[in-house]
C-alpha atoms as a PDB file:
ATOM      1  CA  MET A   1     -22.277  -5.139  20.737  1.00  0.00           C
ATOM      2  CA  LYS A   2     -25.007  -3.747  22.950  1.00  0.00           C
ATOM      3  CA  ALA A   3     -26.726  -7.120  23.220  1.00  0.00           C
ATOM      4  CA  ARG A   4     -23.502  -8.796  24.297  1.00  0.00           C
ATOM      5  CA  ARG A   5     -22.732  -6.038  26.824  1.00  0.00           C
ATOM      6  CA  LEU A   6     -26.209  -6.486  28.315  1.00  0.00           C
ATOM      7  CA  ASP A   7     -25.813 -10.286  28.321  1.00  0.00           C
ATOM      8  CA  LEU A   8     -22.726  -9.775  30.465  1.00  0.00           C
ATOM      9  CA  GLY A   9     -24.659  -7.469  32.793  1.00  0.00           C
ATOM     10  CA  LEU A  10     -22.465  -4.459  32.078  1.00  0.00           C
ATOM     11  CA  THR A  11     -23.568  -0.853  31.891  1.00  0.00           C
ATOM     12  CA  GLN A  12     -22.104   1.480  29.296  1.00  0.00           C
ATOM     13  CA  GLY A  13     -20.238   3.188  32.116  1.00  0.00           C
ATOM     14  CA  GLN A  14     -18.701  -0.058  33.357  1.00  0.00           C
ATOM     15  CA  LEU A  15     -17.546  -1.078  29.872  1.00  0.00           C
ATOM     16  CA  ALA A  16     -16.205   2.432  29.277  1.00  0.00           C
ATOM     17  CA  ALA A  17     -14.195   2.265  32.504  1.00  0.00           C
ATOM     18  CA  MET A  18     -12.748  -1.125  31.547  1.00  0.00           C
ATOM     19  CA  LEU A  19     -11.670   0.236  28.153  1.00  0.00           C
ATOM     20  CA  LYS A  20     -10.578   3.603  29.581  1.00  0.00           C
ATOM     21  CA  VAL A  21     -12.902   5.552  27.268  1.00  0.00           C
ATOM     22  CA  ASP A  22     -15.798   7.907  27.887  1.00  0.00           C
ATOM     23  CA  GLU A  23     -19.315   6.496  28.313  1.00  0.00           C
ATOM     24  CA  THR A  24     -20.387   8.595  25.307  1.00  0.00           C
ATOM     25  CA  THR A  25     -17.883   6.643  23.220  1.00  0.00           C
ATOM     26  CA  ILE A  26     -19.630   3.374  24.064  1.00  0.00           C
ATOM     27  CA  ASN A  27     -22.993   4.931  23.215  1.00  0.00           C
ATOM     28  CA  ASN A  28     -21.640   6.159  19.867  1.00  0.00           C
ATOM     29  CA  TRP A  29     -20.384   2.666  19.036  1.00  0.00           C
ATOM     30  CA  GLU A  30     -23.658   1.017  19.959  1.00  0.00           C
ATOM     31  CA  THR A  31     -25.754   3.485  17.969  1.00  0.00           C
ATOM     32  CA  GLY A  32     -23.502   3.240  14.918  1.00  0.00           C
ATOM     33  CA  LYS A  33     -22.345   6.860  15.051  1.00  0.00           C
ATOM     34  CA  ARG A  34     -18.728   5.781  15.420  1.00  0.00           C
ATOM     35  CA  ARG A  35     -16.621   2.623  15.283  1.00  0.00           C
ATOM     36  CA  PRO A  36     -14.009   1.566  17.802  1.00  0.00           C
ATOM     37  CA  THR A  37     -10.438   2.476  16.904  1.00  0.00           C
ATOM     38  CA  ILE A  38      -8.176  -0.343  15.790  1.00  0.00           C
ATOM     39  CA  LYS A  39      -6.105  -0.087  18.967  1.00  0.00           C
ATOM     40  CA  LEU A  40      -9.178  -0.755  21.152  1.00  0.00           C
ATOM     41  CA  ILE A  41     -10.511  -3.746  19.196  1.00  0.00           C
ATOM     42  CA  PRO A  42      -8.346  -6.439  20.865  1.00  0.00           C
ATOM     43  CA  ASN A  43      -9.426  -5.271  24.350  1.00  0.00           C
ATOM     44  CA  LEU A  44     -13.039  -5.019  23.247  1.00  0.00           C
ATOM     45  CA  ILE A  45     -12.954  -8.566  21.889  1.00  0.00           C
ATOM     46  CA  SER A  46     -11.270  -9.782  25.046  1.00  0.00           C
ATOM     47  CA  LEU A  47     -13.896  -8.171  27.293  1.00  0.00           C
ATOM     48  CA  LEU A  48     -16.994  -9.031  25.261  1.00  0.00           C
ATOM     49  CA  GLY A  49     -15.837 -12.286  23.684  1.00  0.00           C
ATOM     50  CA  ILE A  50     -16.991 -11.151  20.239  1.00  0.00           C
ATOM     51  CA  ALA A  51     -15.841  -8.978  17.378  1.00  0.00           C
ATOM     52  CA  PRO A  52     -17.806  -5.723  17.555  1.00  0.00           C
ATOM     53  CA  PHE A  53     -18.897  -5.589  13.913  1.00  0.00           C
ATOM     54  CA  GLY A  54     -20.400  -9.019  13.361  1.00  0.00           C
ATOM     55  CA  GLN A  55     -19.345 -11.904  11.181  1.00  0.00           C
ATOM     56  CA  PRO A  56     -17.456 -11.250   7.962  1.00  0.00           C
ATOM     57  CA  SER A  57     -19.085 -12.340   4.723  1.00  0.00           C
ATOM     58  CA  THR A  58     -16.537 -11.062   2.196  1.00  0.00           C
ATOM     59  CA  LEU A  59     -12.790 -11.127   1.812  1.00  0.00           C
ATOM     60  CA  ALA A  60     -12.701  -7.385   2.552  1.00  0.00           C
ATOM     61  CA  GLU A  61     -14.618  -7.827   5.818  1.00  0.00           C
ATOM     62  CA  THR A  62     -12.530 -10.853   6.796  1.00  0.00           C
ATOM     63  CA  LEU A  63      -9.262  -8.999   6.268  1.00  0.00           C
ATOM     64  CA  LYS A  64     -10.527  -5.977   8.181  1.00  0.00           C
ATOM     65  CA  LEU A  65     -11.682  -8.158  11.065  1.00  0.00           C
ATOM     66  CA  GLU A  66      -8.400 -10.044  11.277  1.00  0.00           C
ATOM     67  CA  ARG A  67      -6.442  -6.814  11.241  1.00  0.00           C
ATOM     68  CA  SER A  68      -8.756  -5.425  13.917  1.00  0.00           C
ATOM     69  CA  ILE A  69      -8.305  -8.471  16.127  1.00  0.00           C
ATOM     70  CA  THR A  70      -4.555  -8.010  16.050  1.00  0.00           C
ATOM     71  CA  GLY A  71      -4.862  -4.246  16.528  1.00  0.00           C
ATOM     72  CA  LEU A  72      -2.502  -3.616  13.639  1.00  0.00           C
ATOM     73  CA  SER A  73      -2.478  -0.823  11.098  1.00  0.00           C
ATOM     74  CA  GLN A  74      -2.578  -1.637   7.388  1.00  0.00           C
ATOM     75  CA  ARG A  75       1.108  -0.710   7.242  1.00  0.00           C
ATOM     76  CA  ALA A  76       1.969  -3.291   9.928  1.00  0.00           C
ATOM     77  CA  PHE A  77      -0.465  -5.987   8.741  1.00  0.00           C
ATOM     78  CA  ALA A  78       0.371  -5.926   5.004  1.00  0.00           C
ATOM     79  CA  PRO A  79       3.856  -7.502   5.375  1.00  0.00           C
ATOM     80  CA  MET A  80       2.260 -10.432   7.203  1.00  0.00           C
ATOM     81  CA  LEU A  81       0.364 -11.092   3.999  1.00  0.00           C
ATOM     82  CA  GLY A  82       3.407 -10.424   1.853  1.00  0.00           C
ATOM     83  CA  VAL A  83       1.864  -7.363   0.168  1.00  0.00           C
ATOM     84  CA  ASP A  84       2.291  -3.613   0.399  1.00  0.00           C
ATOM     85  CA  PRO A  85      -0.118  -1.457   2.445  1.00  0.00           C
ATOM     86  CA  SER A  86      -1.814   0.038  -0.642  1.00  0.00           C
ATOM     87  CA  THR A  87      -2.683  -3.461  -1.880  1.00  0.00           C
ATOM     88  CA  LEU A  88      -4.185  -4.364   1.481  1.00  0.00           C
ATOM     89  CA  LYS A  89      -6.092  -1.083   1.514  1.00  0.00           C
ATOM     90  CA  ASN A  90      -7.633  -1.908  -1.879  1.00  0.00           C
ATOM     91  CA  TRP A  91      -8.525  -5.427  -0.732  1.00  0.00           C
ATOM     92  CA  GLU A  92     -10.164  -4.139   2.462  1.00  0.00           C
ATOM     93  CA  ARG A  93     -12.193  -1.612   0.485  1.00  0.00           C
ATOM     94  CA  GLY A  94     -13.311  -4.287  -1.958  1.00  0.00           C
ATOM     95  CA  LEU A  95     -11.702  -2.414  -4.853  1.00  0.00           C
ATOM     96  CA  ARG A  96      -9.386  -5.271  -5.771  1.00  0.00           C
ATOM     97  CA  LYS A  97      -9.002  -8.966  -5.084  1.00  0.00           C
ATOM     98  CA  PRO A  98      -5.824 -11.011  -4.795  1.00  0.00           C
ATOM     99  CA  SER A  99      -4.408 -12.370  -8.058  1.00  0.00           C
ATOM    100  CA  THR A 100      -4.370 -16.105  -8.710  1.00  0.00           C
ATOM    101  CA  LYS A 101      -0.673 -16.165  -7.788  1.00  0.00           C
ATOM    102  CA  THR A 102      -1.333 -14.306  -4.530  1.00  0.00           C
ATOM    103  CA  TRP A 103      -4.281 -16.578  -3.679  1.00  0.00           C
ATOM    104  CA  ALA A 104      -1.987 -19.585  -4.123  1.00  0.00           C
ATOM    105  CA  ARG A 105       0.525 -18.047  -1.712  1.00  0.00           C
ATOM    106  CA  LEU A 106      -2.207 -17.099   0.788  1.00  0.00           C
ATOM    107  CA  GLY A 107      -3.906 -20.500   0.599  1.00  0.00           C
ATOM    108  CA  PRO A 108      -2.157 -21.941   3.686  1.00  0.00           C
ATOM    109  CA  ILE A 109      -3.133 -18.849   5.663  1.00  0.00           C
ATOM    110  CA  TRP A 110      -6.843 -19.268   4.880  1.00  0.00           C
ATOM    111  CA  LYS A 111      -6.604 -22.916   5.935  1.00  0.00           C
ATOM    112  CA  ASN A 112      -5.554 -21.754   9.411  1.00  0.00           C
ATOM    113  CA  LEU A 113      -8.940 -20.134   9.984  1.00  0.00           C
ATOM    114  CA  VAL A 114     -10.128 -20.825  13.488  1.00  0.00           C
ATOM    115  CA  ILE A 115     -13.803 -20.335  14.302  1.00  0.00           C
ATOM    116  CA  VAL A 116     -14.537 -20.105  17.997  1.00  0.00           C
ATOM    117  CA  GLU A 117     -18.126 -20.425  19.170  1.00  0.00           C
ATOM    118  CA  SER A 118     -19.110 -19.558  22.688  1.00  0.00           C
ATOM    119  CA  ASP A 119     -22.247 -19.267  24.820  1.00  0.00           C
ATOM    120  CA  GLU A 120     -25.881 -19.848  23.948  1.00  0.00           C
ATOM    121  CA  ARG A 121     -26.039 -17.167  21.249  1.00  0.00           C
ATOM    122  CA  SER A 122     -23.240 -18.871  19.287  1.00  0.00           C
ATOM    123  CA  TYR A 123     -21.122 -15.757  18.951  1.00  0.00           C
ATOM    124  CA  ARG A 124     -18.332 -16.419  16.538  1.00  0.00           C
ATOM    125  CA  GLN A 125     -14.846 -15.055  16.316  1.00  0.00           C
ATOM    126  CA  TYR A 126     -13.018 -15.560  13.058  1.00  0.00           C
ATOM    127  CA  HIS A 127      -9.302 -15.549  13.489  1.00  0.00           C
ATOM    128  CA  PHE A 128      -6.402 -16.384  11.203  1.00  0.00           C
ATOM    129  CA  ARG A 129      -3.031 -17.377  12.549  1.00  0.00           C
ATOM    130  CA  LEU A 130      -1.184 -15.086  10.186  1.00  0.00           C
ATOM    131  CA  TRP A 131       1.709 -14.229  12.452  1.00  0.00           C
ATOM    132  CA  ALA A 132       2.780 -17.876  12.442  1.00  0.00           C
ATOM    133  CA  GLN A 133       3.061 -17.880   8.652  1.00  0.00           C
ATOM    134  CA  PRO A 134       6.275 -17.104   6.801  1.00  0.00           C
ATOM    135  CA  THR A 135       6.103 -13.876   4.787  1.00  0.00           C
ATOM    136  CA  SER A 136       8.631 -14.881   2.119  1.00  0.00           C
END
């Protein structure tokens, strides 16, 4: 996140003002002391053009990133996947994986993965078009 902020020529103070947070908050994110709240992630992605925690490499990370991009809680995001919030919570923590039946139902969602690459560093944003999918 820091590298991207610097690439854009922004100070911590400028980014903080844009996000309406304290400069210390930006510092805490960049040093790994804290993570941005879910509600701030969409604005952060919009301003920086990248997801603040890097590229997902597991199902758990992918689900967390997608939920972060939308700014939704687990309670709000779970119905989009056709599961209850506790199931999503277990998936995001890597404690469980979807059953074969659930994978079959989620298959069309995974096919809607959009990878956007931008600028010389090839930053990537992974984004699923879940809200366009039926939840039945």
